Amino acid sequence: MSEGERVIRLVARGRNINMAVDVAEVCRRRAGIIAGKLPGDIDVSDVELATETFPRDDGGTRNVSVIKITMEGHADMHEEE
């Protein structure tokens, strides 16, 4: 979003899902140092949950949960200080 983009999509699988949710919340609340260049208003516009199947070495399959979080910025971008 720092380069003018207004829509971003976070995608995470398996154990990284909690990190994607945390990142979305930090961006949405604009807390912390990394959120300084974000638009003044960010909304979560869509959340998709899915399961992907991957082959295992033993010939079986493995299911992995996936989350896709779409966020959209609505206000002006903050200027660097």
PDB file of N, CA and C in Angstrom:
ATOM      1  N   MET A   1       0.815  -1.203   0.000  1.00  0.00           N
ATOM      2  CA  MET A   1       0.000   0.000   0.000  1.00  0.00           C
ATOM      3  C   MET A   1       0.854   1.260   0.000  1.00  0.00           C
ATOM      4  N   SER A   2       2.117   1.144   0.332  1.00  0.00           N
ATOM      5  CA  SER A   2       2.955   2.332   0.391  1.00  0.00           C
ATOM      6  C   SER A   2       3.238   2.898  -0.995  1.00  0.00           C
ATOM      7  N   GLU A   3       2.995   2.134  -2.052  1.00  0.00           N
ATOM      8  CA  GLU A   3       3.236   2.613  -3.413  1.00  0.00           C
ATOM      9  C   GLU A   3       1.946   2.998  -4.117  1.00  0.00           C
ATOM     10  N   GLY A   4       0.886   3.256  -3.353  1.00  0.00           N
ATOM     11  CA  GLY A   4      -0.359   3.713  -3.942  1.00  0.00           C
ATOM     12  C   GLY A   4      -1.416   2.650  -4.149  1.00  0.00           C
ATOM     13  N   GLU A   5      -1.066   1.393  -3.981  1.00  0.00           N
ATOM     14  CA  GLU A   5      -2.059   0.323  -4.108  1.00  0.00           C
ATOM     15  C   GLU A   5      -3.097   0.465  -3.012  1.00  0.00           C
ATOM     16  N   ARG A   6      -4.339   0.188  -3.323  1.00  0.00           N
ATOM     17  CA  ARG A   6      -5.413   0.307  -2.339  1.00  0.00           C
ATOM     18  C   ARG A   6      -5.969  -1.036  -1.903  1.00  0.00           C
ATOM     19  N   VAL A   7      -5.618  -2.114  -2.583  1.00  0.00           N
ATOM     20  CA  VAL A   7      -6.110  -3.440  -2.232  1.00  0.00           C
ATOM     21  C   VAL A   7      -4.920  -4.392  -2.096  1.00  0.00           C
ATOM     22  N   ILE A   8      -4.874  -5.112  -0.984  1.00  0.00           N
ATOM     23  CA  ILE A   8      -3.853  -6.135  -0.806  1.00  0.00           C
ATOM     24  C   ILE A   8      -4.540  -7.427  -0.386  1.00  0.00           C
ATOM     25  N   ARG A   9      -3.855  -8.539  -0.634  1.00  0.00           N
ATOM     26  CA  ARG A   9      -4.399  -9.838  -0.270  1.00  0.00           C
ATOM     27  C   ARG A   9      -3.325 -10.617   0.478  1.00  0.00           C
ATOM     28  N   LEU A  10      -3.646 -11.007   1.701  1.00  0.00           N
ATOM     29  CA  LEU A  10      -2.760 -11.840   2.506  1.00  0.00           C
ATOM     30  C   LEU A  10      -3.189 -13.291   2.328  1.00  0.00           C
ATOM     31  N   VAL A  11      -2.239 -14.161   2.052  1.00  0.00           N
ATOM     32  CA  VAL A  11      -2.537 -15.586   1.897  1.00  0.00           C
ATOM     33  C   VAL A  11      -1.601 -16.350   2.825  1.00  0.00           C
ATOM     34  N   ALA A  12      -2.176 -17.277   3.611  1.00  0.00           N
ATOM     35  CA  ALA A  12      -1.366 -18.078   4.521  1.00  0.00           C
ATOM     36  C   ALA A  12      -1.905 -19.504   4.557  1.00  0.00           C
ATOM     37  N   ARG A  13      -0.993 -20.426   4.827  1.00  0.00           N
ATOM     38  CA  ARG A  13      -1.353 -21.846   4.905  1.00  0.00           C
ATOM     39  C   ARG A  13      -0.899 -22.419   6.242  1.00  0.00           C
ATOM     40  N   GLY A  14      -1.667 -23.353   6.737  1.00  0.00           N
ATOM     41  CA  GLY A  14      -1.276 -24.117   7.916  1.00  0.00           C
ATOM     42  C   GLY A  14      -0.968 -23.282   9.139  1.00  0.00           C
ATOM     43  N   ARG A  15       0.200 -23.516   9.702  1.00  0.00           N
ATOM     44  CA  ARG A  15       0.595 -22.843  10.950  1.00  0.00           C
ATOM     45  C   ARG A  15       0.804 -21.344  10.811  1.00  0.00           C
ATOM     46  N   ASN A  16       0.885 -20.832   9.596  1.00  0.00           N
ATOM     47  CA  ASN A  16       1.091 -19.400   9.391  1.00  0.00           C
ATOM     48  C   ASN A  16      -0.212 -18.601   9.359  1.00  0.00           C
ATOM     49  N   ILE A  17      -1.346 -19.269   9.482  1.00  0.00           N
ATOM     50  CA  ILE A  17      -2.632 -18.572   9.439  1.00  0.00           C
ATOM     51  C   ILE A  17      -2.731 -17.544  10.563  1.00  0.00           C
ATOM     52  N   ASN A  18      -2.304 -17.893  11.766  1.00  0.00           N
ATOM     53  CA  ASN A  18      -2.402 -16.933  12.871  1.00  0.00           C
ATOM     54  C   ASN A  18      -1.563 -15.687  12.609  1.00  0.00           C
ATOM     55  N   MET A  19      -0.433 -15.831  11.915  1.00  0.00           N
ATOM     56  CA  MET A  19       0.393 -14.663  11.593  1.00  0.00           C
ATOM     57  C   MET A  19      -0.322 -13.745  10.605  1.00  0.00           C
ATOM     58  N   ALA A  20      -1.005 -14.314   9.614  1.00  0.00           N
ATOM     59  CA  ALA A  20      -1.738 -13.504   8.640  1.00  0.00           C
ATOM     60  C   ALA A  20      -2.863 -12.732   9.319  1.00  0.00           C
ATOM     61  N   VAL A  21      -3.542 -13.361  10.261  1.00  0.00           N
ATOM     62  CA  VAL A  21      -4.608 -12.673  11.000  1.00  0.00           C
ATOM     63  C   VAL A  21      -4.020 -11.540  11.830  1.00  0.00           C
ATOM     64  N   ASP A  22      -2.887 -11.780  12.476  1.00  0.00           N
ATOM     65  CA  ASP A  22      -2.225 -10.726  13.255  1.00  0.00           C
ATOM     66  C   ASP A  22      -1.804  -9.557  12.376  1.00  0.00           C
ATOM     67  N   VAL A  23      -1.234  -9.840  11.211  1.00  0.00           N
ATOM     68  CA  VAL A  23      -0.814  -8.778  10.286  1.00  0.00           C
ATOM     69  C   VAL A  23      -2.023  -7.964   9.829  1.00  0.00           C
ATOM     70  N   ALA A  24      -3.114  -8.636   9.504  1.00  0.00           N
ATOM     71  CA  ALA A  24      -4.326  -7.931   9.079  1.00  0.00           C
ATOM     72  C   ALA A  24      -4.828  -7.010  10.183  1.00  0.00           C
ATOM     73  N   GLU A  25      -4.798  -7.464  11.419  1.00  0.00           N
ATOM     74  CA  GLU A  25      -5.264  -6.634  12.528  1.00  0.00           C
ATOM     75  C   GLU A  25      -4.348  -5.447  12.781  1.00  0.00           C
ATOM     76  N   VAL A  26      -3.037  -5.637  12.674  1.00  0.00           N
ATOM     77  CA  VAL A  26      -2.101  -4.518  12.844  1.00  0.00           C
ATOM     78  C   VAL A  26      -2.355  -3.472  11.763  1.00  0.00           C
ATOM     79  N   CYS A  27      -2.534  -3.912  10.527  1.00  0.00           N
ATOM     80  CA  CYS A  27      -2.803  -2.975   9.435  1.00  0.00           C
ATOM     81  C   CYS A  27      -4.135  -2.260   9.647  1.00  0.00           C
ATOM     82  N   ARG A  28      -5.158  -3.017  10.018  1.00  0.00           N
ATOM     83  CA  ARG A  28      -6.490  -2.444  10.186  1.00  0.00           C
ATOM     84  C   ARG A  28      -6.514  -1.417  11.317  1.00  0.00           C
ATOM     85  N   ARG A  29      -5.816  -1.700  12.389  1.00  0.00           N
ATOM     86  CA  ARG A  29      -5.807  -0.789  13.541  1.00  0.00           C
ATOM     87  C   ARG A  29      -4.717   0.282  13.442  1.00  0.00           C
ATOM     88  N   ARG A  30      -3.808   0.123  12.460  1.00  0.00           N
ATOM     89  CA  ARG A  30      -2.699   1.053  12.234  1.00  0.00           C
ATOM     90  C   ARG A  30      -1.814   1.191  13.456  1.00  0.00           C
ATOM     91  N   ALA A  31      -1.601   0.121  14.161  1.00  0.00           N
ATOM     92  CA  ALA A  31      -0.743   0.142  15.344  1.00  0.00           C
ATOM     93  C   ALA A  31       0.671  -0.271  14.953  1.00  0.00           C
ATOM     94  N   GLY A  32       1.645   0.267  15.654  1.00  0.00           N
ATOM     95  CA  GLY A  32       3.031  -0.159  15.436  1.00  0.00           C
ATOM     96  C   GLY A  32       3.748   0.651  14.387  1.00  0.00           C
ATOM     97  N   ILE A  33       5.022   0.455  14.316  1.00  0.00           N
ATOM     98  CA  ILE A  33       5.899   1.209  13.426  1.00  0.00           C
ATOM     99  C   ILE A  33       5.632   0.877  11.963  1.00  0.00           C
ATOM    100  N   ILE A  34       5.382  -0.385  11.625  1.00  0.00           N
ATOM    101  CA  ILE A  34       5.248  -0.784  10.222  1.00  0.00           C
ATOM    102  C   ILE A  34       3.994  -0.230   9.563  1.00  0.00           C
ATOM    103  N   ALA A  35       3.044   0.242  10.348  1.00  0.00           N
ATOM    104  CA  ALA A  35       1.780   0.699   9.774  1.00  0.00           C
ATOM    105  C   ALA A  35       1.773   2.203   9.499  1.00  0.00           C
ATOM    106  N   GLY A  36       2.877   2.876   9.657  1.00  0.00           N
ATOM    107  CA  GLY A  36       2.920   4.322   9.509  1.00  0.00           C
ATOM    108  C   GLY A  36       2.605   4.851   8.124  1.00  0.00           C
ATOM    109  N   LYS A  37       2.821   4.075   7.077  1.00  0.00           N
ATOM    110  CA  LYS A  37       2.612   4.547   5.710  1.00  0.00           C
ATOM    111  C   LYS A  37       1.298   4.061   5.110  1.00  0.00           C
ATOM    112  N   LEU A  38       0.422   3.500   5.925  1.00  0.00           N
ATOM    113  CA  LEU A  38      -0.842   2.966   5.421  1.00  0.00           C
ATOM    114  C   LEU A  38      -1.902   4.056   5.328  1.00  0.00           C
ATOM    115  N   PRO A  39      -2.933   3.836   4.505  1.00  0.00           N
ATOM    116  CA  PRO A  39      -4.045   4.795   4.454  1.00  0.00           C
ATOM    117  C   PRO A  39      -4.696   4.924   5.817  1.00  0.00           C
ATOM    118  N   GLY A  40      -5.391   6.039   6.031  1.00  0.00           N
ATOM    119  CA  GLY A  40      -6.032   6.308   7.319  1.00  0.00           C
ATOM    120  C   GLY A  40      -7.151   5.356   7.661  1.00  0.00           C
ATOM    121  N   ASP A  41      -7.739   4.692   6.678  1.00  0.00           N
ATOM    122  CA  ASP A  41      -8.858   3.782   6.926  1.00  0.00           C
ATOM    123  C   ASP A  41      -8.665   2.523   6.089  1.00  0.00           C
ATOM    124  N   ILE A  42      -8.549   1.381   6.753  1.00  0.00           N
ATOM    125  CA  ILE A  42      -8.372   0.106   6.067  1.00  0.00           C
ATOM    126  C   ILE A  42      -9.448  -0.851   6.558  1.00  0.00           C
ATOM    127  N   ASP A  43     -10.131  -1.486   5.628  1.00  0.00           N
ATOM    128  CA  ASP A  43     -11.168  -2.450   5.957  1.00  0.00           C
ATOM    129  C   ASP A  43     -10.787  -3.822   5.421  1.00  0.00           C
ATOM    130  N   VAL A  44     -11.207  -4.845   6.141  1.00  0.00           N
ATOM    131  CA  VAL A  44     -11.116  -6.210   5.625  1.00  0.00           C
ATOM    132  C   VAL A  44     -12.346  -6.407   4.753  1.00  0.00           C
ATOM    133  N   SER A  45     -12.145  -6.550   3.447  1.00  0.00           N
ATOM    134  CA  SER A  45     -13.276  -6.636   2.528  1.00  0.00           C
ATOM    135  C   SER A  45     -13.707  -8.067   2.231  1.00  0.00           C
ATOM    136  N   ASP A  46     -12.819  -9.051   2.469  1.00  0.00           N
ATOM    137  CA  ASP A  46     -13.191 -10.436   2.198  1.00  0.00           C
ATOM    138  C   ASP A  46     -12.249 -11.372   2.937  1.00  0.00           C
ATOM    139  N   VAL A  47     -12.801 -12.478   3.410  1.00  0.00           N
ATOM    140  CA  VAL A  47     -12.006 -13.546   4.017  1.00  0.00           C
ATOM    141  C   VAL A  47     -12.470 -14.851   3.394  1.00  0.00           C
ATOM    142  N   GLU A  48     -11.527 -15.598   2.831  1.00  0.00           N
ATOM    143  CA  GLU A  48     -11.832 -16.897   2.232  1.00  0.00           C
ATOM    144  C   GLU A  48     -11.095 -17.977   3.008  1.00  0.00           C
ATOM    145  N   LEU A  49     -11.793 -19.059   3.295  1.00  0.00           N
ATOM    146  CA  LEU A  49     -11.190 -20.218   3.947  1.00  0.00           C
ATOM    147  C   LEU A  49     -11.272 -21.395   2.988  1.00  0.00           C
ATOM    148  N   ALA A  50     -10.210 -22.172   2.932  1.00  0.00           N
ATOM    149  CA  ALA A  50     -10.195 -23.313   2.020  1.00  0.00           C
ATOM    150  C   ALA A  50      -9.262 -24.389   2.564  1.00  0.00           C
ATOM    151  N   THR A  51      -9.268 -25.514   1.895  1.00  0.00           N
ATOM    152  CA  THR A  51      -8.350 -26.609   2.203  1.00  0.00           C
ATOM    153  C   THR A  51      -7.667 -27.018   0.904  1.00  0.00           C
ATOM    154  N   GLU A  52      -6.348 -27.100   0.930  1.00  0.00           N
ATOM    155  CA  GLU A  52      -5.584 -27.566  -0.221  1.00  0.00           C
ATOM    156  C   GLU A  52      -5.037 -28.948   0.091  1.00  0.00           C
ATOM    157  N   THR A  53      -4.982 -29.786  -0.910  1.00  0.00           N
ATOM    158  CA  THR A  53      -4.483 -31.146  -0.759  1.00  0.00           C
ATOM    159  C   THR A  53      -3.126 -31.271  -1.433  1.00  0.00           C
ATOM    160  N   PHE A  54      -2.159 -31.806  -0.693  1.00  0.00           N
ATOM    161  CA  PHE A  54      -0.810 -31.984  -1.204  1.00  0.00           C
ATOM    162  C   PHE A  54      -0.428 -33.460  -1.128  1.00  0.00           C
ATOM    163  N   PRO A  55       0.358 -33.948  -2.109  1.00  0.00           N
ATOM    164  CA  PRO A  55       0.814 -35.345  -2.040  1.00  0.00           C
ATOM    165  C   PRO A  55       1.892 -35.518  -0.970  1.00  0.00           C
ATOM    166  N   ARG A  56       1.853 -36.659  -0.313  1.00  0.00           N
ATOM    167  CA  ARG A  56       2.885 -37.004   0.664  1.00  0.00           C
ATOM    168  C   ARG A  56       3.887 -37.959   0.024  1.00  0.00           C
ATOM    169  N   ASP A  57       5.043 -38.083   0.639  1.00  0.00           N
ATOM    170  CA  ASP A  57       6.094 -38.974   0.120  1.00  0.00           C
ATOM    171  C   ASP A  57       5.665 -40.434   0.111  1.00  0.00           C
ATOM    172  N   ASP A  58       4.779 -40.797   1.019  1.00  0.00           N
ATOM    173  CA  ASP A  58       4.365 -42.206   1.108  1.00  0.00           C
ATOM    174  C   ASP A  58       3.219 -42.544   0.152  1.00  0.00           C
ATOM    175  N   GLY A  59       2.846 -41.602  -0.716  1.00  0.00           N
ATOM    176  CA  GLY A  59       1.803 -41.848  -1.699  1.00  0.00           C
ATOM    177  C   GLY A  59       0.431 -41.360  -1.283  1.00  0.00           C
ATOM    178  N   GLY A  60       0.261 -41.012  -0.025  1.00  0.00           N
ATOM    179  CA  GLY A  60      -1.014 -40.488   0.466  1.00  0.00           C
ATOM    180  C   GLY A  60      -1.148 -38.994   0.181  1.00  0.00           C
ATOM    181  N   THR A  61      -2.148 -38.405   0.757  1.00  0.00           N
ATOM    182  CA  THR A  61      -2.345 -36.960   0.606  1.00  0.00           C
ATOM    183  C   THR A  61      -2.423 -36.304   1.971  1.00  0.00           C
ATOM    184  N   ARG A  62      -2.188 -35.010   1.973  1.00  0.00           N
ATOM    185  CA  ARG A  62      -2.200 -34.228   3.201  1.00  0.00           C
ATOM    186  C   ARG A  62      -3.058 -32.995   2.968  1.00  0.00           C
ATOM    187  N   ASN A  63      -3.974 -32.689   3.888  1.00  0.00           N
ATOM    188  CA  ASN A  63      -4.817 -31.504   3.788  1.00  0.00           C
ATOM    189  C   ASN A  63      -4.202 -30.366   4.594  1.00  0.00           C
ATOM    190  N   VAL A  64      -4.173 -29.185   3.995  1.00  0.00           N
ATOM    191  CA  VAL A  64      -3.630 -28.001   4.653  1.00  0.00           C
ATOM    192  C   VAL A  64      -4.667 -26.889   4.544  1.00  0.00           C
ATOM    193  N   SER A  65      -4.989 -26.263   5.684  1.00  0.00           N
ATOM    194  CA  SER A  65      -5.930 -25.143   5.687  1.00  0.00           C
ATOM    195  C   SER A  65      -5.293 -23.905   5.080  1.00  0.00           C
ATOM    196  N   VAL A  66      -6.122 -23.082   4.422  1.00  0.00           N
ATOM    197  CA  VAL A  66      -5.656 -21.858   3.766  1.00  0.00           C
ATOM    198  C   VAL A  66      -6.610 -20.730   4.124  1.00  0.00           C
ATOM    199  N   ILE A  67      -6.058 -19.532   4.378  1.00  0.00           N
ATOM    200  CA  ILE A  67      -6.872 -18.345   4.573  1.00  0.00           C
ATOM    201  C   ILE A  67      -6.388 -17.280   3.596  1.00  0.00           C
ATOM    202  N   LYS A  68      -7.339 -16.570   3.003  1.00  0.00           N
ATOM    203  CA  LYS A  68      -7.035 -15.457   2.101  1.00  0.00           C
ATOM    204  C   LYS A  68      -7.802 -14.250   2.618  1.00  0.00           C
ATOM    205  N   ILE A  69      -7.063 -13.215   3.036  1.00  0.00           N
ATOM    206  CA  ILE A  69      -7.652 -12.014   3.613  1.00  0.00           C
ATOM    207  C   ILE A  69      -7.423 -10.862   2.642  1.00  0.00           C
ATOM    208  N   THR A  70      -8.506 -10.262   2.157  1.00  0.00           N
ATOM    209  CA  THR A  70      -8.418  -9.124   1.250  1.00  0.00           C
ATOM    210  C   THR A  70      -8.706  -7.858   2.043  1.00  0.00           C
ATOM    211  N   MET A  71      -7.804  -6.876   1.918  1.00  0.00           N
ATOM    212  CA  MET A  71      -7.941  -5.608   2.644  1.00  0.00           C
ATOM    213  C   MET A  71      -7.923  -4.465   1.641  1.00  0.00           C
ATOM    214  N   GLU A  72      -8.691  -3.412   1.964  1.00  0.00           N
ATOM    215  CA  GLU A  72      -8.788  -2.260   1.070  1.00  0.00           C
ATOM    216  C   GLU A  72      -8.627  -0.966   1.865  1.00  0.00           C
ATOM    217  N   GLY A  73      -7.752  -0.080   1.369  1.00  0.00           N
ATOM    218  CA  GLY A  73      -7.546   1.223   1.992  1.00  0.00           C
ATOM    219  C   GLY A  73      -8.457   2.257   1.365  1.00  0.00           C
ATOM    220  N   HIS A  74      -9.029   3.152   2.215  1.00  0.00           N
ATOM    221  CA  HIS A  74     -10.015   4.113   1.730  1.00  0.00           C
ATOM    222  C   HIS A  74      -9.600   5.574   1.893  1.00  0.00           C
ATOM    223  N   ALA A  75      -8.751   5.893   2.818  1.00  0.00           N
ATOM    224  CA  ALA A  75      -8.408   7.292   3.086  1.00  0.00           C
ATOM    225  C   ALA A  75      -7.068   7.633   2.445  1.00  0.00           C
ATOM    226  N   ASP A  76      -6.618   8.876   2.659  1.00  0.00           N
ATOM    227  CA  ASP A  76      -5.335   9.319   2.110  1.00  0.00           C
ATOM    228  C   ASP A  76      -4.183   8.574   2.756  1.00  0.00           C
ATOM    229  N   MET A  77      -3.093   8.466   2.018  1.00  0.00           N
ATOM    230  CA  MET A  77      -1.881   7.851   2.524  1.00  0.00           C
ATOM    231  C   MET A  77      -1.206   8.837   3.482  1.00  0.00           C
ATOM    232  N   HIS A  78      -0.624   8.301   4.574  1.00  0.00           N
ATOM    233  CA  HIS A  78       0.099   9.154   5.510  1.00  0.00           C
ATOM    234  C   HIS A  78       1.455   9.507   4.918  1.00  0.00           C
ATOM    235  N   GLU A  79       1.886  10.716   5.135  1.00  0.00           N
ATOM    236  CA  GLU A  79       3.194  11.176   4.642  1.00  0.00           C
ATOM    237  C   GLU A  79       4.289  10.727   5.581  1.00  0.00           C
ATOM    238  N   GLU A  80       5.493  10.509   5.048  1.00  0.00           N
ATOM    239  CA  GLU A  80       6.641  10.173   5.876  1.00  0.00           C
ATOM    240  C   GLU A  80       7.063  11.395   6.659  1.00  0.00           C
ATOM    241  N   GLU A  81       7.508  11.141   7.897  1.00  0.00           N
ATOM    242  CA  GLU A  81       7.956  12.252   8.740  1.00  0.00           C
ATOM    243  C   GLU A  81       9.422  12.476   8.604  1.00  0.00           C
TER     244      GLU A  81
END
